[in-house]
Amino acid sequence: MKFLTFSVLLLFFGLNMTSCTSEYQERLEEAKELKEQMTLIEESNFSSPDQHLVSEIREIEQQIFFLAKLSGNEDTFLMEIFGELQ
């Protein structure tokens, strides 16, 4: 009986850890897409500066930082997105 209880608990914790990893990966993928979008806007804003585009870049950055907070490991998350700590 103890073995069965231990096995069920082990299975539960194992599934829980897998779920957390996939949520982190989902947020990371979303942030990577936002980073690509931000890069494109920055490049287009370089040739002809526009205040609206600057505001859009800031909004995207805020979304990325929010996803980093939700990830539970903000520093690592931001390093994966920006390549350095922000």
PDB file of N, CA and C in Angstrom:
ATOM      1  N   MET A   1       0.822  -1.194   0.000  1.00  0.00           N
ATOM      2  CA  MET A   1       0.000   0.000   0.000  1.00  0.00           C
ATOM      3  C   MET A   1       0.868   1.263   0.000  1.00  0.00           C
ATOM      4  N   LYS A   2       1.945   1.275   0.819  1.00  0.00           N
ATOM      5  CA  LYS A   2       2.823   2.433   0.841  1.00  0.00           C
ATOM      6  C   LYS A   2       3.477   2.642  -0.521  1.00  0.00           C
ATOM      7  N   PHE A   3       3.840   1.539  -1.176  1.00  0.00           N
ATOM      8  CA  PHE A   3       4.472   1.644  -2.488  1.00  0.00           C
ATOM      9  C   PHE A   3       3.524   2.271  -3.496  1.00  0.00           C
ATOM     10  N   LEU A   4       2.255   1.882  -3.450  1.00  0.00           N
ATOM     11  CA  LEU A   4       1.252   2.425  -4.365  1.00  0.00           C
ATOM     12  C   LEU A   4       1.056   3.920  -4.118  1.00  0.00           C
ATOM     13  N   THR A   5       0.977   4.315  -2.861  1.00  0.00           N
ATOM     14  CA  THR A   5       0.830   5.726  -2.516  1.00  0.00           C
ATOM     15  C   THR A   5       2.046   6.527  -2.986  1.00  0.00           C
ATOM     16  N   PHE A   6       3.226   5.980  -2.739  1.00  0.00           N
ATOM     17  CA  PHE A   6       4.454   6.635  -3.168  1.00  0.00           C
ATOM     18  C   PHE A   6       4.485   6.770  -4.690  1.00  0.00           C
ATOM     19  N   SER A   7       4.079   5.733  -5.393  1.00  0.00           N
ATOM     20  CA  SER A   7       4.073   5.762  -6.862  1.00  0.00           C
ATOM     21  C   SER A   7       3.112   6.818  -7.396  1.00  0.00           C
ATOM     22  N   VAL A   8       1.937   6.908  -6.779  1.00  0.00           N
ATOM     23  CA  VAL A   8       0.954   7.906  -7.213  1.00  0.00           C
ATOM     24  C   VAL A   8       1.493   9.311  -6.964  1.00  0.00           C
ATOM     25  N   LEU A   9       2.096   9.542  -5.809  1.00  0.00           N
ATOM     26  CA  LEU A   9       2.673  10.854  -5.508  1.00  0.00           C
ATOM     27  C   LEU A   9       3.799  11.191  -6.471  1.00  0.00           C
ATOM     28  N   LEU A  10       4.645  10.230  -6.752  1.00  0.00           N
ATOM     29  CA  LEU A  10       5.755  10.441  -7.679  1.00  0.00           C
ATOM     30  C   LEU A  10       5.227  10.788  -9.073  1.00  0.00           C
ATOM     31  N   LEU A  11       4.212  10.089  -9.509  1.00  0.00           N
ATOM     32  CA  LEU A  11       3.599  10.360 -10.811  1.00  0.00           C
ATOM     33  C   LEU A  11       2.993  11.764 -10.837  1.00  0.00           C
ATOM     34  N   PHE A  12       2.292  12.131  -9.773  1.00  0.00           N
ATOM     35  CA  PHE A  12       1.681  13.453  -9.688  1.00  0.00           C
ATOM     36  C   PHE A  12       2.726  14.554  -9.782  1.00  0.00           C
ATOM     37  N   PHE A  13       3.797  14.441  -9.003  1.00  0.00           N
ATOM     38  CA  PHE A  13       4.843  15.465  -9.025  1.00  0.00           C
ATOM     39  C   PHE A  13       5.569  15.488 -10.364  1.00  0.00           C
ATOM     40  N   GLY A  14       5.755  14.335 -10.970  1.00  0.00           N
ATOM     41  CA  GLY A  14       6.397  14.271 -12.284  1.00  0.00           C
ATOM     42  C   GLY A  14       5.578  14.975 -13.341  1.00  0.00           C
ATOM     43  N   LEU A  15       4.270  14.741 -13.330  1.00  0.00           N
ATOM     44  CA  LEU A  15       3.383  15.412 -14.289  1.00  0.00           C
ATOM     45  C   LEU A  15       3.333  16.909 -14.040  1.00  0.00           C
ATOM     46  N   ASN A  16       3.344  17.294 -12.786  1.00  0.00           N
ATOM     47  CA  ASN A  16       3.322  18.707 -12.431  1.00  0.00           C
ATOM     48  C   ASN A  16       4.575  19.410 -12.941  1.00  0.00           C
ATOM     49  N   MET A  17       5.728  18.796 -12.805  1.00  0.00           N
ATOM     50  CA  MET A  17       6.978  19.388 -13.286  1.00  0.00           C
ATOM     51  C   MET A  17       6.968  19.520 -14.807  1.00  0.00           C
ATOM     52  N   THR A  18       6.434  18.534 -15.505  1.00  0.00           N
ATOM     53  CA  THR A  18       6.340  18.588 -16.959  1.00  0.00           C
ATOM     54  C   THR A  18       5.434  19.731 -17.381  1.00  0.00           C
ATOM     55  N   SER A  19       4.343  19.921 -16.677  1.00  0.00           N
ATOM     56  CA  SER A  19       3.406  20.992 -16.984  1.00  0.00           C
ATOM     57  C   SER A  19       4.075  22.358 -16.830  1.00  0.00           C
ATOM     58  N   CYS A  20       4.843  22.536 -15.771  1.00  0.00           N
ATOM     59  CA  CYS A  20       5.530  23.815 -15.550  1.00  0.00           C
ATOM     60  C   CYS A  20       6.529  24.093 -16.660  1.00  0.00           C
ATOM     61  N   THR A  21       7.238  23.069 -17.064  1.00  0.00           N
ATOM     62  CA  THR A  21       8.217  23.242 -18.136  1.00  0.00           C
ATOM     63  C   THR A  21       7.524  23.669 -19.425  1.00  0.00           C
ATOM     64  N   SER A  22       6.402  23.060 -19.756  1.00  0.00           N
ATOM     65  CA  SER A  22       5.738  23.417 -21.002  1.00  0.00           C
ATOM     66  C   SER A  22       5.160  24.838 -20.939  1.00  0.00           C
ATOM     67  N   GLU A  23       4.672  25.269 -19.771  1.00  0.00           N
ATOM     68  CA  GLU A  23       4.187  26.640 -19.644  1.00  0.00           C
ATOM     69  C   GLU A  23       5.332  27.629 -19.845  1.00  0.00           C
ATOM     70  N   TYR A  24       6.496  27.322 -19.275  1.00  0.00           N
ATOM     71  CA  TYR A  24       7.677  28.167 -19.453  1.00  0.00           C
ATOM     72  C   TYR A  24       8.019  28.241 -20.935  1.00  0.00           C
ATOM     73  N   GLN A  25       8.022  27.096 -21.609  1.00  0.00           N
ATOM     74  CA  GLN A  25       8.358  27.068 -23.035  1.00  0.00           C
ATOM     75  C   GLN A  25       7.346  27.856 -23.867  1.00  0.00           C
ATOM     76  N   GLU A  26       6.066  27.753 -23.498  1.00  0.00           N
ATOM     77  CA  GLU A  26       5.042  28.517 -24.230  1.00  0.00           C
ATOM     78  C   GLU A  26       5.282  30.013 -24.085  1.00  0.00           C
ATOM     79  N   ARG A  27       5.576  30.447 -22.873  1.00  0.00           N
ATOM     80  CA  ARG A  27       5.848  31.876 -22.642  1.00  0.00           C
ATOM     81  C   ARG A  27       7.117  32.306 -23.373  1.00  0.00           C
ATOM     82  N   LEU A  28       8.113  31.440 -23.362  1.00  0.00           N
ATOM     83  CA  LEU A  28       9.369  31.745 -24.036  1.00  0.00           C
ATOM     84  C   LEU A  28       9.150  31.892 -25.544  1.00  0.00           C
ATOM     85  N   GLU A  29       8.376  30.999 -26.126  1.00  0.00           N
ATOM     86  CA  GLU A  29       8.090  31.087 -27.564  1.00  0.00           C
ATOM     87  C   GLU A  29       7.308  32.356 -27.892  1.00  0.00           C
ATOM     88  N   GLU A  30       6.350  32.692 -27.041  1.00  0.00           N
ATOM     89  CA  GLU A  30       5.581  33.924 -27.252  1.00  0.00           C
ATOM     90  C   GLU A  30       6.494  35.147 -27.178  1.00  0.00           C
ATOM     91  N   ALA A  31       7.405  35.144 -26.217  1.00  0.00           N
ATOM     92  CA  ALA A  31       8.336  36.269 -26.067  1.00  0.00           C
ATOM     93  C   ALA A  31       9.296  36.348 -27.253  1.00  0.00           C
ATOM     94  N   LYS A  32       9.716  35.205 -27.767  1.00  0.00           N
ATOM     95  CA  LYS A  32      10.604  35.207 -28.940  1.00  0.00           C
ATOM     96  C   LYS A  32       9.890  35.802 -30.151  1.00  0.00           C
ATOM     97  N   GLU A  33       8.619  35.480 -30.312  1.00  0.00           N
ATOM     98  CA  GLU A  33       7.844  36.059 -31.413  1.00  0.00           C
ATOM     99  C   GLU A  33       7.701  37.576 -31.234  1.00  0.00           C
ATOM    100  N   LEU A  34       7.454  37.995 -30.007  1.00  0.00           N
ATOM    101  CA  LEU A  34       7.366  39.431 -29.727  1.00  0.00           C
ATOM    102  C   LEU A  34       8.696  40.120 -30.007  1.00  0.00           C
ATOM    103  N   LYS A  35       9.793  39.479 -29.657  1.00  0.00           N
ATOM    104  CA  LYS A  35      11.133  40.037 -29.899  1.00  0.00           C
ATOM    105  C   LYS A  35      11.378  40.198 -31.398  1.00  0.00           C
ATOM    106  N   GLU A  36      10.978  39.204 -32.191  1.00  0.00           N
ATOM    107  CA  GLU A  36      11.122  39.306 -33.649  1.00  0.00           C
ATOM    108  C   GLU A  36      10.302  40.471 -34.194  1.00  0.00           C
ATOM    109  N   GLN A  37       9.074  40.585 -33.692  1.00  0.00           N
ATOM    110  CA  GLN A  37       8.202  41.694 -34.106  1.00  0.00           C
ATOM    111  C   GLN A  37       8.833  43.032 -33.727  1.00  0.00           C
ATOM    112  N   MET A  38       9.382  43.106 -32.519  1.00  0.00           N
ATOM    113  CA  MET A  38      10.018  44.332 -32.053  1.00  0.00           C
ATOM    114  C   MET A  38      11.229  44.684 -32.921  1.00  0.00           C
ATOM    115  N   THR A  39      12.006  43.693 -33.292  1.00  0.00           N
ATOM    116  CA  THR A  39      13.175  43.920 -34.145  1.00  0.00           C
ATOM    117  C   THR A  39      12.764  44.483 -35.501  1.00  0.00           C
ATOM    118  N   LEU A  40      11.713  43.940 -36.070  1.00  0.00           N
ATOM    119  CA  LEU A  40      11.224  44.450 -37.358  1.00  0.00           C
ATOM    120  C   LEU A  40      10.760  45.899 -37.237  1.00  0.00           C
ATOM    121  N   ILE A  41      10.066  46.207 -36.167  1.00  0.00           N
ATOM    122  CA  ILE A  41       9.590  47.591 -35.965  1.00  0.00           C
ATOM    123  C   ILE A  41      10.776  48.527 -35.766  1.00  0.00           C
ATOM    124  N   GLU A  42      11.766  48.081 -34.974  1.00  0.00           N
ATOM    125  CA  GLU A  42      12.960  48.911 -34.754  1.00  0.00           C
ATOM    126  C   GLU A  42      13.681  49.200 -36.075  1.00  0.00           C
ATOM    127  N   GLU A  43      13.774  48.183 -36.931  1.00  0.00           N
ATOM    128  CA  GLU A  43      14.445  48.376 -38.221  1.00  0.00           C
ATOM    129  C   GLU A  43      13.680  49.349 -39.108  1.00  0.00           C
ATOM    130  N   SER A  44      12.359  49.229 -39.112  1.00  0.00           N
ATOM    131  CA  SER A  44      11.570  50.152 -39.943  1.00  0.00           C
ATOM    132  C   SER A  44      11.571  51.553 -39.347  1.00  0.00           C
ATOM    133  N   ASN A  45      11.673  51.653 -38.042  1.00  0.00           N
ATOM    134  CA  ASN A  45      11.694  52.959 -37.387  1.00  0.00           C
ATOM    135  C   ASN A  45      13.046  53.645 -37.567  1.00  0.00           C
ATOM    136  N   PHE A  46      14.075  52.869 -37.823  1.00  0.00           N
ATOM    137  CA  PHE A  46      15.413  53.433 -38.013  1.00  0.00           C
ATOM    138  C   PHE A  46      15.466  54.301 -39.263  1.00  0.00           C
ATOM    139  N   SER A  47      14.839  53.830 -40.329  1.00  0.00           N
ATOM    140  CA  SER A  47      14.891  54.574 -41.590  1.00  0.00           C
ATOM    141  C   SER A  47      14.006  55.823 -41.566  1.00  0.00           C
ATOM    142  N   SER A  48      12.877  55.755 -40.889  1.00  0.00           N
ATOM    143  CA  SER A  48      12.005  56.931 -40.786  1.00  0.00           C
ATOM    144  C   SER A  48      11.365  56.941 -39.395  1.00  0.00           C
ATOM    145  N   PRO A  49      12.008  57.606 -38.440  1.00  0.00           N
ATOM    146  CA  PRO A  49      11.526  57.612 -37.044  1.00  0.00           C
ATOM    147  C   PRO A  49      10.070  58.077 -36.914  1.00  0.00           C
ATOM    148  N   ASP A  50       9.339  57.345 -36.090  1.00  0.00           N
ATOM    149  CA  ASP A  50       7.923  57.617 -35.872  1.00  0.00           C
ATOM    150  C   ASP A  50       7.621  57.373 -34.396  1.00  0.00           C
ATOM    151  N   GLN A  51       7.030  58.359 -33.732  1.00  0.00           N
ATOM    152  CA  GLN A  51       6.740  58.254 -32.301  1.00  0.00           C
ATOM    153  C   GLN A  51       5.770  57.112 -32.004  1.00  0.00           C
ATOM    154  N   HIS A  52       4.845  56.865 -32.912  1.00  0.00           N
ATOM    155  CA  HIS A  52       3.905  55.759 -32.720  1.00  0.00           C
ATOM    156  C   HIS A  52       4.653  54.423 -32.649  1.00  0.00           C
ATOM    157  N   LEU A  53       5.649  54.263 -33.500  1.00  0.00           N
ATOM    158  CA  LEU A  53       6.432  53.019 -33.500  1.00  0.00           C
ATOM    159  C   LEU A  53       7.257  52.885 -32.226  1.00  0.00           C
ATOM    160  N   VAL A  54       7.758  53.996 -31.703  1.00  0.00           N
ATOM    161  CA  VAL A  54       8.506  53.972 -30.443  1.00  0.00           C
ATOM    162  C   VAL A  54       7.588  53.497 -29.319  1.00  0.00           C
ATOM    163  N   SER A  55       6.357  53.974 -29.311  1.00  0.00           N
ATOM    164  CA  SER A  55       5.379  53.545 -28.305  1.00  0.00           C
ATOM    165  C   SER A  55       5.070  52.060 -28.446  1.00  0.00           C
ATOM    166  N   GLU A  56       4.970  51.597 -29.672  1.00  0.00           N
ATOM    167  CA  GLU A  56       4.698  50.183 -29.923  1.00  0.00           C
ATOM    168  C   GLU A  56       5.853  49.308 -29.441  1.00  0.00           C
ATOM    169  N   ILE A  57       7.082  49.768 -29.644  1.00  0.00           N
ATOM    170  CA  ILE A  57       8.260  49.035 -29.171  1.00  0.00           C
ATOM    171  C   ILE A  57       8.236  48.928 -27.655  1.00  0.00           C
ATOM    172  N   ARG A  58       7.921  50.024 -26.992  1.00  0.00           N
ATOM    173  CA  ARG A  58       7.846  50.014 -25.514  1.00  0.00           C
ATOM    174  C   ARG A  58       6.774  49.059 -25.015  1.00  0.00           C
ATOM    175  N   GLU A  59       5.648  49.030 -25.696  1.00  0.00           N
ATOM    176  CA  GLU A  59       4.562  48.130 -25.309  1.00  0.00           C
ATOM    177  C   GLU A  59       4.986  46.667 -25.458  1.00  0.00           C
ATOM    178  N   ILE A  60       5.675  46.355 -26.530  1.00  0.00           N
ATOM    179  CA  ILE A  60       6.159  44.989 -26.739  1.00  0.00           C
ATOM    180  C   ILE A  60       7.169  44.628 -25.659  1.00  0.00           C
ATOM    181  N   GLU A  61       8.069  45.553 -25.337  1.00  0.00           N
ATOM    182  CA  GLU A  61       9.041  45.297 -24.270  1.00  0.00           C
ATOM    183  C   GLU A  61       8.333  44.999 -22.957  1.00  0.00           C
ATOM    184  N   GLN A  62       7.288  45.752 -22.642  1.00  0.00           N
ATOM    185  CA  GLN A  62       6.536  45.526 -21.408  1.00  0.00           C
ATOM    186  C   GLN A  62       5.890  44.141 -21.410  1.00  0.00           C
ATOM    187  N   GLN A  63       5.388  43.715 -22.550  1.00  0.00           N
ATOM    188  CA  GLN A  63       4.800  42.382 -22.651  1.00  0.00           C
ATOM    189  C   GLN A  63       5.854  41.302 -22.405  1.00  0.00           C
ATOM    190  N   ILE A  64       7.040  41.499 -22.952  1.00  0.00           N
ATOM    191  CA  ILE A  64       8.127  40.534 -22.761  1.00  0.00           C
ATOM    192  C   ILE A  64       8.530  40.481 -21.295  1.00  0.00           C
ATOM    193  N   PHE A  65       8.661  41.634 -20.649  1.00  0.00           N
ATOM    194  CA  PHE A  65       9.034  41.657 -19.240  1.00  0.00           C
ATOM    195  C   PHE A  65       7.950  41.023 -18.365  1.00  0.00           C
ATOM    196  N   PHE A  66       6.690  41.200 -18.739  1.00  0.00           N
ATOM    197  CA  PHE A  66       5.601  40.564 -18.006  1.00  0.00           C
ATOM    198  C   PHE A  66       5.685  39.045 -18.131  1.00  0.00           C
ATOM    199  N   LEU A  67       5.934  38.558 -19.343  1.00  0.00           N
ATOM    200  CA  LEU A  67       6.091  37.118 -19.544  1.00  0.00           C
ATOM    201  C   LEU A  67       7.280  36.585 -18.757  1.00  0.00           C
ATOM    202  N   ALA A  68       8.334  37.389 -18.663  1.00  0.00           N
ATOM    203  CA  ALA A  68       9.510  36.979 -17.882  1.00  0.00           C
ATOM    204  C   ALA A  68       9.146  36.821 -16.410  1.00  0.00           C
ATOM    205  N   LYS A  69       8.364  37.750 -15.875  1.00  0.00           N
ATOM    206  CA  LYS A  69       7.931  37.643 -14.471  1.00  0.00           C
ATOM    207  C   LYS A  69       7.086  36.393 -14.260  1.00  0.00           C
ATOM    208  N   LEU A  70       6.190  36.130 -15.187  1.00  0.00           N
ATOM    209  CA  LEU A  70       5.332  34.953 -15.076  1.00  0.00           C
ATOM    210  C   LEU A  70       6.122  33.650 -15.168  1.00  0.00           C
ATOM    211  N   SER A  71       7.243  33.695 -15.839  1.00  0.00           N
ATOM    212  CA  SER A  71       8.028  32.473 -16.064  1.00  0.00           C
ATOM    213  C   SER A  71       8.569  31.878 -14.771  1.00  0.00           C
ATOM    214  N   GLY A  72       8.765  32.728 -13.760  1.00  0.00           N
ATOM    215  CA  GLY A  72       9.308  32.238 -12.499  1.00  0.00           C
ATOM    216  C   GLY A  72      10.821  32.268 -12.456  1.00  0.00           C
ATOM    217  N   ASN A  73      11.451  32.551 -13.572  1.00  0.00           N
ATOM    218  CA  ASN A  73      12.909  32.644 -13.627  1.00  0.00           C
ATOM    219  C   ASN A  73      13.261  33.798 -14.560  1.00  0.00           C
ATOM    220  N   GLU A  74      13.018  34.989 -14.077  1.00  0.00           N
ATOM    221  CA  GLU A  74      13.090  36.196 -14.892  1.00  0.00           C
ATOM    222  C   GLU A  74      14.450  36.393 -15.563  1.00  0.00           C
ATOM    223  N   ASP A  75      15.535  36.232 -14.807  1.00  0.00           N
ATOM    224  CA  ASP A  75      16.869  36.478 -15.360  1.00  0.00           C
ATOM    225  C   ASP A  75      17.190  35.540 -16.521  1.00  0.00           C
ATOM    226  N   THR A  76      16.950  34.259 -16.323  1.00  0.00           N
ATOM    227  CA  THR A  76      17.233  33.279 -17.381  1.00  0.00           C
ATOM    228  C   THR A  76      16.354  33.531 -18.592  1.00  0.00           C
ATOM    229  N   PHE A  77      15.093  33.822 -18.346  1.00  0.00           N
ATOM    230  CA  PHE A  77      14.138  34.086 -19.420  1.00  0.00           C
ATOM    231  C   PHE A  77      14.615  35.251 -20.285  1.00  0.00           C
ATOM    232  N   LEU A  78      14.972  36.360 -19.628  1.00  0.00           N
ATOM    233  CA  LEU A  78      15.411  37.545 -20.366  1.00  0.00           C
ATOM    234  C   LEU A  78      16.728  37.303 -21.103  1.00  0.00           C
ATOM    235  N   MET A  79      17.601  36.498 -20.507  1.00  0.00           N
ATOM    236  CA  MET A  79      18.852  36.167 -21.203  1.00  0.00           C
ATOM    237  C   MET A  79      18.570  35.382 -22.467  1.00  0.00           C
ATOM    238  N   GLU A  80      17.573  34.506 -22.426  1.00  0.00           N
ATOM    239  CA  GLU A  80      17.217  33.723 -23.624  1.00  0.00           C
ATOM    240  C   GLU A  80      16.592  34.599 -24.693  1.00  0.00           C
ATOM    241  N   ILE A  81      15.905  35.646 -24.286  1.00  0.00           N
ATOM    242  CA  ILE A  81      15.248  36.517 -25.256  1.00  0.00           C
ATOM    243  C   ILE A  81      16.219  37.577 -25.797  1.00  0.00           C
ATOM    244  N   PHE A  82      16.896  38.267 -24.903  1.00  0.00           N
ATOM    245  CA  PHE A  82      17.737  39.400 -25.322  1.00  0.00           C
ATOM    246  C   PHE A  82      19.218  39.061 -25.408  1.00  0.00           C
ATOM    247  N   GLY A  83      19.624  37.920 -24.870  1.00  0.00           N
ATOM    248  CA  GLY A  83      21.031  37.534 -24.909  1.00  0.00           C
ATOM    249  C   GLY A  83      21.867  38.140 -23.804  1.00  0.00           C
ATOM    250  N   GLU A  84      21.259  38.979 -22.963  1.00  0.00           N
ATOM    251  CA  GLU A  84      21.948  39.580 -21.825  1.00  0.00           C
ATOM    252  C   GLU A  84      20.879  40.053 -20.855  1.00  0.00           C
ATOM    253  N   LEU A  85      21.283  40.309 -19.624  1.00  0.00           N
ATOM    254  CA  LEU A  85      20.318  40.790 -18.650  1.00  0.00           C
ATOM    255  C   LEU A  85      19.902  42.211 -18.982  1.00  0.00           C
ATOM    256  N   GLN A  86      18.631  42.471 -18.810  1.00  0.00           N
ATOM    257  CA  GLN A  86      18.078  43.809 -19.082  1.00  0.00           C
ATOM    258  C   GLN A  86      17.945  44.568 -17.793  1.00  0.00           C
TER     259      GLN A  86
END
